[in-house]
C-alpha cells in the first residue's frame, strides 16, 4: 500500500507541477493580452485624432466646393439671361434689316408707278 500511496503522491505532484506551469503560462498570456489591448487603445486614440483632422480638412474642402458650385449656378443663370437678351437683340437687328429692305422695295415700287 505504501508503494501505491507513494505512486499516487508522485502522480499528484506531477499534475500539480503541470497545473502550476499552465497557470503561469495563462497568467503571462493574460498579461500579454493586456499589453496588446493597451497598445491598441493608444493606436485607436491616435487614429481618432488623425481622422478628426482629416474630417475637418474634408469639411473645409466641401464648403469651398459648395461655394464654387453656387457661383457656377449663378454664372449659368446669368449666361442664360444674356443669351436670351442677345437672342432678342439679334431678332431686333434682323427685324430692322428686313424693315429696311421692305422700305427699299416699297420705294422702288413707288418709282415704277
Protein backbone atom coordinates (compact mmCIF):
# COMPACT_ATOMS: atom_id res chain seq x y z
CA UNK A 1 0.00 0.00 0.00
CA UNK A 2 2.82 2.30 0.76
CA UNK A 3 4.10 1.92 -2.77
CA UNK A 4 0.67 2.71 -4.10
CA UNK A 5 0.37 5.84 -1.94
CA UNK A 6 3.83 6.90 -2.97
CA UNK A 7 2.94 6.40 -6.65
CA UNK A 8 -0.30 8.38 -6.26
CA UNK A 9 1.57 11.11 -4.43
CA UNK A 10 4.16 11.22 -7.21
CA UNK A 11 1.46 11.47 -9.90
CA UNK A 12 -0.32 14.15 -7.87
CA UNK A 13 2.95 16.10 -7.63
CA UNK A 14 3.45 15.81 -11.39
CA UNK A 15 -0.08 17.09 -12.04
CA UNK A 16 0.47 19.90 -9.56
CA UNK A 17 3.64 20.95 -11.38
CA UNK A 18 1.87 20.78 -14.76
CA UNK A 19 -1.10 22.77 -13.46
CA UNK A 20 1.17 25.39 -11.91
CA UNK A 21 3.04 25.67 -15.22
CA UNK A 22 -0.24 26.06 -17.10
CA UNK A 23 -1.41 28.65 -14.60
CA UNK A 24 1.85 30.56 -15.01
CA UNK A 25 1.59 30.38 -18.83
CA UNK A 26 -2.02 31.61 -18.77
CA UNK A 27 -1.01 34.44 -16.46
CA UNK A 28 1.77 35.52 -18.88
CA UNK A 29 -0.65 35.17 -21.79
CA UNK A 30 -3.23 37.33 -19.99
CA UNK A 31 -0.64 39.99 -19.22
CA UNK A 32 0.44 39.98 -22.88
CA UNK A 33 -3.16 40.41 -23.96
CA UNK A 34 -3.44 43.36 -21.58
CA UNK A 35 -0.36 44.96 -23.15
CA UNK A 36 -1.76 44.37 -26.64
CA UNK A 37 -5.10 45.87 -25.56
CA UNK A 38 -3.34 48.95 -24.16
CA UNK A 39 -1.33 49.32 -27.39
CA UNK A 40 -4.47 49.02 -29.47
CA UNK A 41 -6.21 51.62 -27.32
CA UNK A 42 -3.32 54.07 -27.89
CA UNK A 43 -3.42 53.32 -31.61
CA UNK A 44 -7.18 53.86 -31.67
CA UNK A 45 -6.80 57.24 -29.98
CA UNK A 46 -4.08 58.27 -32.46
CA UNK A 47 -6.25 57.23 -35.41
CA UNK A 48 -9.21 59.07 -33.89
CA UNK A 49 -7.17 62.29 -33.64
CA UNK A 50 -5.85 61.93 -37.19
CA UNK A 51 -9.34 61.24 -38.53
CA UNK A 52 -10.69 64.32 -36.76
CA UNK A 53 -8.07 66.41 -38.59
CA UNK A 54 -8.84 64.76 -41.92
CA UNK A 55 -12.57 65.22 -41.35
CA UNK A 56 -12.00 68.89 -40.63
CA UNK A 57 -9.99 69.26 -43.84
CA UNK A 58 -12.67 67.45 -45.86
CA UNK A 59 -15.32 69.74 -44.39
CA UNK A 60 -13.27 72.79 -45.40
CA UNK A 61 -12.87 71.44 -48.95
CA UNK A 62 -16.56 70.53 -49.12
CA UNK A 63 -17.59 74.03 -48.01
CA UNK A 64 -15.24 75.58 -50.58
CA UNK A 65 -16.58 73.36 -53.38
CA UNK A 66 -20.15 74.15 -52.33
CA UNK A 67 -19.44 77.87 -52.69
CA UNK A 68 -17.91 77.25 -56.12
CA UNK A 69 -20.96 75.20 -57.10
CA UNK A 70 -23.26 78.06 -56.02
CA UNK A 71 -21.17 80.53 -58.04
CA UNK A 72 -21.33 78.25 -61.09
CA UNK A 73 -25.11 78.08 -60.79
CA UNK A 74 -25.25 81.89 -60.65
CA UNK A 75 -22.96 82.18 -63.67
CA UNK A 76 -25.07 79.70 -65.64
CA UNK A 77 -28.20 81.64 -64.77
CA UNK A 78 -26.58 84.93 -65.88
CA UNK A 79 -25.37 83.31 -69.10
CA UNK A 80 -28.90 82.11 -69.83
CA UNK A 81 -30.25 85.63 -69.30
CA UNK A 82 -27.55 87.15 -71.51
CA UNK A 83 -28.22 84.54 -74.17
CA UNK A 84 -31.93 85.42 -74.17
CA UNK A 85 -31.12 89.13 -74.33
CA UNK A 86 -28.70 88.61 -77.21
CA UNK A 87 -31.24 86.45 -78.96
CA UNK A 88 -33.81 89.23 -78.64
CA UNK A 89 -31.28 91.80 -79.87
CA UNK A 90 -30.34 89.60 -82.79
CA UNK A 91 -34.02 89.28 -83.72
CA UNK A 92 -34.43 93.04 -83.43
CA UNK A 93 -31.39 93.69 -85.65
CA UNK A 94 -32.76 91.19 -88.15
CA UNK A 95 -36.16 92.89 -87.99
CA UNK A 96 -34.57 96.30 -88.67
CA UNK A 97 -32.67 94.84 -91.65
CA UNK A 98 -35.87 93.34 -93.02
CA UNK A 99 -37.71 96.59 -92.42
CA UNK A 100 -35.03 98.47 -94.35
CA UNK A 101 -35.31 96.02 -97.23
CA UNK A 102 -39.10 96.36 -97.28
CA UNK A 103 -38.82 100.17 -97.33
CA UNK A 104 -36.33 99.95 -100.19
CA UNK A 105 -38.64 97.65 -102.13
CA UNK A 106 -41.57 99.98 -101.46
CA UNK A 107 -39.55 102.96 -102.76
CA UNK A 108 -38.58 101.09 -105.92
CA UNK A 109 -42.20 100.11 -106.50
CA UNK A 110 -43.31 103.67 -105.89
CA UNK A 111 -40.90 104.94 -108.56
CA UNK A 112 -42.08 102.40 -111.09
CA UNK A 113 -45.64 103.57 -110.94
